Amino acid sequence: MSAFQLDIVTPENAIFSGNVSAVKIPGSNGSFSVLHNHAPLISSLSQGELEITEESGNKMTFVTKGGVAEVINNKVTILIESILKGMENIKKEE
């Protein structure tokens, strides 16, 4: 499966930046998944689970509170109000 760039940002800091094979996003009108070469879109987000599948197959899940997602040219940018659960999934840089 081909990868694409994913960036997740809150008003406080960058949560994730890297190549992934899939991301499931809690859209305002229902959850949707994004894969490589997805059609361009912009969507508002509701509170819900954001699931990332890394290239290695490792999955990370966050519970997020609102925001917006943009998909364009194999790059997904997700701006979220806050992370309610899942910060333990973030790899701390040493």
N, C-alpha and C. Protein backbone atom coordinates (compact mmCIF):
# COMPACT_ATOMS: atom_id res chain seq x y z
N MET A 1 0.85 -1.18 0.00
CA MET A 1 0.00 0.00 0.00
C MET A 1 0.89 1.24 0.00
N SER A 2 0.58 2.20 -0.83
CA SER A 2 1.38 3.42 -0.93
C SER A 2 1.09 4.35 0.24
N ALA A 3 2.08 5.16 0.55
CA ALA A 3 1.98 6.08 1.68
C ALA A 3 1.71 7.50 1.22
N PHE A 4 1.28 8.32 2.16
CA PHE A 4 1.09 9.75 1.93
C PHE A 4 1.44 10.50 3.21
N GLN A 5 1.65 11.80 3.09
CA GLN A 5 2.04 12.66 4.21
C GLN A 5 0.82 13.01 5.05
N LEU A 6 0.95 12.89 6.39
CA LEU A 6 -0.10 13.28 7.32
C LEU A 6 0.48 14.22 8.35
N ASP A 7 -0.19 15.35 8.56
CA ASP A 7 0.19 16.30 9.61
C ASP A 7 -1.04 16.55 10.47
N ILE A 8 -0.88 16.40 11.79
CA ILE A 8 -1.96 16.67 12.74
C ILE A 8 -1.47 17.75 13.70
N VAL A 9 -2.26 18.83 13.80
CA VAL A 9 -1.85 20.00 14.57
C VAL A 9 -2.99 20.47 15.46
N THR A 10 -2.65 20.88 16.69
CA THR A 10 -3.60 21.55 17.58
C THR A 10 -3.13 23.00 17.72
N PRO A 11 -3.92 23.86 18.35
CA PRO A 11 -3.45 25.24 18.57
C PRO A 11 -2.18 25.30 19.41
N GLU A 12 -1.95 24.27 20.23
CA GLU A 12 -0.78 24.26 21.11
C GLU A 12 0.49 23.73 20.46
N ASN A 13 0.36 22.68 19.64
CA ASN A 13 1.56 22.07 19.07
C ASN A 13 1.24 21.07 17.95
N ALA A 14 2.29 20.61 17.29
CA ALA A 14 2.16 19.57 16.27
C ALA A 14 2.08 18.23 16.99
N ILE A 15 1.08 17.42 16.65
CA ILE A 15 0.87 16.13 17.30
C ILE A 15 1.55 15.01 16.53
N PHE A 16 1.45 15.05 15.20
CA PHE A 16 2.01 13.99 14.37
C PHE A 16 2.39 14.56 13.02
N SER A 17 3.50 14.07 12.48
CA SER A 17 3.90 14.40 11.12
C SER A 17 4.69 13.22 10.58
N GLY A 18 4.21 12.64 9.49
CA GLY A 18 4.92 11.52 8.92
C GLY A 18 4.13 10.86 7.80
N ASN A 19 4.73 9.83 7.21
CA ASN A 19 4.09 9.08 6.14
C ASN A 19 3.23 7.97 6.74
N VAL A 20 2.02 7.83 6.23
CA VAL A 20 1.08 6.81 6.71
C VAL A 20 0.46 6.10 5.50
N SER A 21 -0.13 4.94 5.75
CA SER A 21 -0.80 4.22 4.67
C SER A 21 -2.31 4.46 4.69
N ALA A 22 -2.85 4.89 5.84
CA ALA A 22 -4.29 5.17 5.93
C ALA A 22 -4.57 6.02 7.15
N VAL A 23 -5.66 6.77 7.09
CA VAL A 23 -6.15 7.51 8.26
C VAL A 23 -7.67 7.51 8.21
N LYS A 24 -8.29 7.22 9.35
CA LYS A 24 -9.75 7.26 9.49
C LYS A 24 -10.07 8.52 10.28
N ILE A 25 -10.94 9.36 9.71
CA ILE A 25 -11.19 10.70 10.23
C ILE A 25 -12.65 10.85 10.64
N PRO A 26 -12.93 11.43 11.83
CA PRO A 26 -14.31 11.62 12.28
C PRO A 26 -14.95 12.87 11.66
N GLY A 27 -15.43 12.76 10.44
CA GLY A 27 -16.06 13.89 9.76
C GLY A 27 -17.39 14.26 10.41
N SER A 28 -17.83 15.48 10.21
CA SER A 28 -19.09 15.96 10.79
C SER A 28 -20.30 15.17 10.30
N ASN A 29 -20.22 14.64 9.07
CA ASN A 29 -21.31 13.85 8.51
C ASN A 29 -21.02 12.36 8.54
N GLY A 30 -20.07 11.95 9.38
CA GLY A 30 -19.70 10.55 9.50
C GLY A 30 -18.23 10.34 9.25
N SER A 31 -17.69 9.27 9.79
CA SER A 31 -16.27 8.96 9.62
C SER A 31 -15.97 8.57 8.18
N PHE A 32 -14.75 8.89 7.75
CA PHE A 32 -14.31 8.49 6.41
C PHE A 32 -12.83 8.16 6.46
N SER A 33 -12.40 7.31 5.54
CA SER A 33 -11.00 6.91 5.47
C SER A 33 -10.33 7.55 4.27
N VAL A 34 -9.05 7.84 4.44
CA VAL A 34 -8.25 8.40 3.36
C VAL A 34 -7.10 7.44 3.09
N LEU A 35 -6.91 7.12 1.81
CA LEU A 35 -5.80 6.30 1.34
C LEU A 35 -5.01 7.10 0.31
N HIS A 36 -3.90 6.55 -0.15
CA HIS A 36 -3.07 7.18 -1.18
C HIS A 36 -3.93 7.52 -2.40
N ASN A 37 -3.70 8.68 -3.00
CA ASN A 37 -4.41 9.18 -4.19
C ASN A 37 -5.89 9.47 -3.95
N HIS A 38 -6.26 9.79 -2.72
CA HIS A 38 -7.65 10.15 -2.42
C HIS A 38 -8.00 11.46 -3.14
N ALA A 39 -9.25 11.61 -3.53
CA ALA A 39 -9.72 12.85 -4.16
C ALA A 39 -9.57 14.02 -3.19
N PRO A 40 -9.29 15.21 -3.70
CA PRO A 40 -9.17 16.39 -2.82
C PRO A 40 -10.49 16.66 -2.10
N LEU A 41 -10.38 17.09 -0.84
CA LEU A 41 -11.56 17.46 -0.07
C LEU A 41 -11.18 18.30 1.13
N ILE A 42 -12.17 19.00 1.64
CA ILE A 42 -12.07 19.71 2.91
C ILE A 42 -13.30 19.31 3.70
N SER A 43 -13.11 18.94 4.98
CA SER A 43 -14.23 18.50 5.81
C SER A 43 -14.10 19.05 7.22
N SER A 44 -15.22 19.46 7.79
CA SER A 44 -15.23 19.78 9.21
C SER A 44 -15.26 18.47 9.98
N LEU A 45 -14.77 18.50 11.21
CA LEU A 45 -14.68 17.30 12.03
C LEU A 45 -15.54 17.42 13.27
N SER A 46 -16.03 16.28 13.73
CA SER A 46 -16.76 16.25 14.99
C SER A 46 -15.89 15.51 16.00
N GLN A 47 -16.35 15.47 17.24
CA GLN A 47 -15.61 14.71 18.24
C GLN A 47 -15.68 13.24 17.88
N GLY A 48 -14.55 12.55 17.96
CA GLY A 48 -14.54 11.13 17.63
C GLY A 48 -13.13 10.59 17.54
N GLU A 49 -13.04 9.34 17.09
CA GLU A 49 -11.76 8.66 16.99
C GLU A 49 -11.07 8.95 15.66
N LEU A 50 -9.81 9.30 15.76
CA LEU A 50 -8.93 9.51 14.60
C LEU A 50 -7.95 8.35 14.64
N GLU A 51 -7.98 7.48 13.63
CA GLU A 51 -7.12 6.30 13.62
C GLU A 51 -6.10 6.39 12.49
N ILE A 52 -4.84 6.28 12.86
CA ILE A 52 -3.73 6.37 11.91
C ILE A 52 -3.13 4.98 11.73
N THR A 53 -2.89 4.59 10.49
CA THR A 53 -2.15 3.35 10.21
C THR A 53 -0.83 3.76 9.57
N GLU A 54 0.25 3.54 10.30
CA GLU A 54 1.57 3.89 9.80
C GLU A 54 2.00 2.91 8.71
N GLU A 55 3.03 3.27 7.96
CA GLU A 55 3.55 2.40 6.89
C GLU A 55 3.90 1.02 7.41
N SER A 56 4.36 0.94 8.64
CA SER A 56 4.76 -0.33 9.25
C SER A 56 3.57 -1.21 9.62
N GLY A 57 2.36 -0.63 9.58
CA GLY A 57 1.16 -1.36 9.99
C GLY A 57 0.74 -1.03 11.40
N ASN A 58 1.61 -0.34 12.15
CA ASN A 58 1.28 0.08 13.51
C ASN A 58 0.11 1.05 13.48
N LYS A 59 -0.85 0.87 14.40
CA LYS A 59 -2.01 1.76 14.46
C LYS A 59 -1.97 2.61 15.72
N MET A 60 -2.37 3.87 15.56
CA MET A 60 -2.50 4.79 16.69
C MET A 60 -3.90 5.37 16.64
N THR A 61 -4.52 5.49 17.80
CA THR A 61 -5.87 6.05 17.87
C THR A 61 -5.89 7.22 18.84
N PHE A 62 -6.54 8.30 18.43
CA PHE A 62 -6.72 9.48 19.26
C PHE A 62 -8.21 9.79 19.31
N VAL A 63 -8.68 10.32 20.43
CA VAL A 63 -10.03 10.87 20.49
C VAL A 63 -9.86 12.37 20.40
N THR A 64 -10.47 12.96 19.39
CA THR A 64 -10.27 14.38 19.12
C THR A 64 -11.56 15.16 19.31
N LYS A 65 -11.42 16.46 19.49
CA LYS A 65 -12.56 17.35 19.65
C LYS A 65 -12.57 18.36 18.51
N GLY A 66 -13.43 18.13 17.53
CA GLY A 66 -13.65 19.08 16.45
C GLY A 66 -12.42 19.46 15.65
N GLY A 67 -12.64 20.19 14.57
CA GLY A 67 -11.55 20.67 13.75
C GLY A 67 -11.90 20.64 12.27
N VAL A 68 -10.85 20.57 11.46
CA VAL A 68 -11.02 20.55 10.00
C VAL A 68 -9.91 19.70 9.37
N ALA A 69 -10.24 19.02 8.27
CA ALA A 69 -9.26 18.21 7.55
C ALA A 69 -9.21 18.64 6.10
N GLU A 70 -8.00 18.67 5.54
CA GLU A 70 -7.81 18.97 4.12
C GLU A 70 -7.01 17.83 3.49
N VAL A 71 -7.49 17.35 2.35
CA VAL A 71 -6.79 16.31 1.59
C VAL A 71 -6.51 16.88 0.21
N ILE A 72 -5.22 16.91 -0.17
CA ILE A 72 -4.86 17.40 -1.50
C ILE A 72 -3.47 16.87 -1.88
N ASN A 73 -3.35 16.36 -3.07
CA ASN A 73 -2.07 15.89 -3.62
C ASN A 73 -1.29 14.97 -2.68
N ASN A 74 -1.96 13.94 -2.15
CA ASN A 74 -1.34 12.97 -1.25
C ASN A 74 -0.75 13.60 0.00
N LYS A 75 -1.39 14.66 0.47
CA LYS A 75 -1.04 15.27 1.75
C LYS A 75 -2.33 15.55 2.50
N VAL A 76 -2.38 15.08 3.75
CA VAL A 76 -3.54 15.31 4.60
C VAL A 76 -3.10 16.18 5.77
N THR A 77 -3.80 17.28 5.96
CA THR A 77 -3.55 18.17 7.08
C THR A 77 -4.80 18.20 7.94
N ILE A 78 -4.64 17.88 9.22
CA ILE A 78 -5.77 17.86 10.15
C ILE A 78 -5.48 18.86 11.26
N LEU A 79 -6.36 19.85 11.36
CA LEU A 79 -6.27 20.85 12.43
C LEU A 79 -7.37 20.51 13.43
N ILE A 80 -7.00 20.21 14.67
CA ILE A 80 -8.00 19.82 15.66
C ILE A 80 -7.98 20.75 16.85
N GLU A 81 -9.16 20.92 17.48
CA GLU A 81 -9.27 21.79 18.65
C GLU A 81 -8.44 21.26 19.80
N SER A 82 -8.58 19.95 20.08
CA SER A 82 -7.80 19.34 21.16
C SER A 82 -7.86 17.82 21.05
N ILE A 83 -6.91 17.19 21.75
CA ILE A 83 -6.87 15.73 21.85
C ILE A 83 -7.45 15.39 23.23
N LEU A 84 -8.48 14.58 23.25
CA LEU A 84 -9.11 14.19 24.51
C LEU A 84 -8.51 12.92 25.08
N LYS A 85 -7.99 12.05 24.20
CA LYS A 85 -7.40 10.79 24.64
C LYS A 85 -6.44 10.30 23.56
N GLY A 86 -5.33 9.71 23.98
CA GLY A 86 -4.41 9.11 23.02
C GLY A 86 -3.04 9.75 22.97
N MET A 87 -2.79 10.76 23.79
CA MET A 87 -1.48 11.41 23.76
C MET A 87 -0.35 10.44 24.10
N GLU A 88 -0.68 9.34 24.80
CA GLU A 88 0.35 8.35 25.12
C GLU A 88 0.88 7.67 23.88
N ASN A 89 0.17 7.81 22.74
CA ASN A 89 0.61 7.23 21.48
C ASN A 89 1.74 8.02 20.82
N ILE A 90 1.94 9.25 21.24
CA ILE A 90 2.95 10.11 20.64
C ILE A 90 4.33 9.68 21.08
N LYS A 91 5.20 9.50 20.09
CA LYS A 91 6.59 9.13 20.39
C LYS A 91 7.33 10.40 20.79
N LYS A 92 7.89 10.39 21.97
CA LYS A 92 8.66 11.55 22.46
C LYS A 92 10.04 11.53 21.85
N GLU A 93 10.47 12.70 21.37
CA GLU A 93 11.83 12.80 20.83
C GLU A 93 12.80 12.94 21.98
N GLU A 94 13.93 12.24 21.87
CA GLU A 94 14.92 12.26 22.94
C GLU A 94 15.96 13.30 22.67
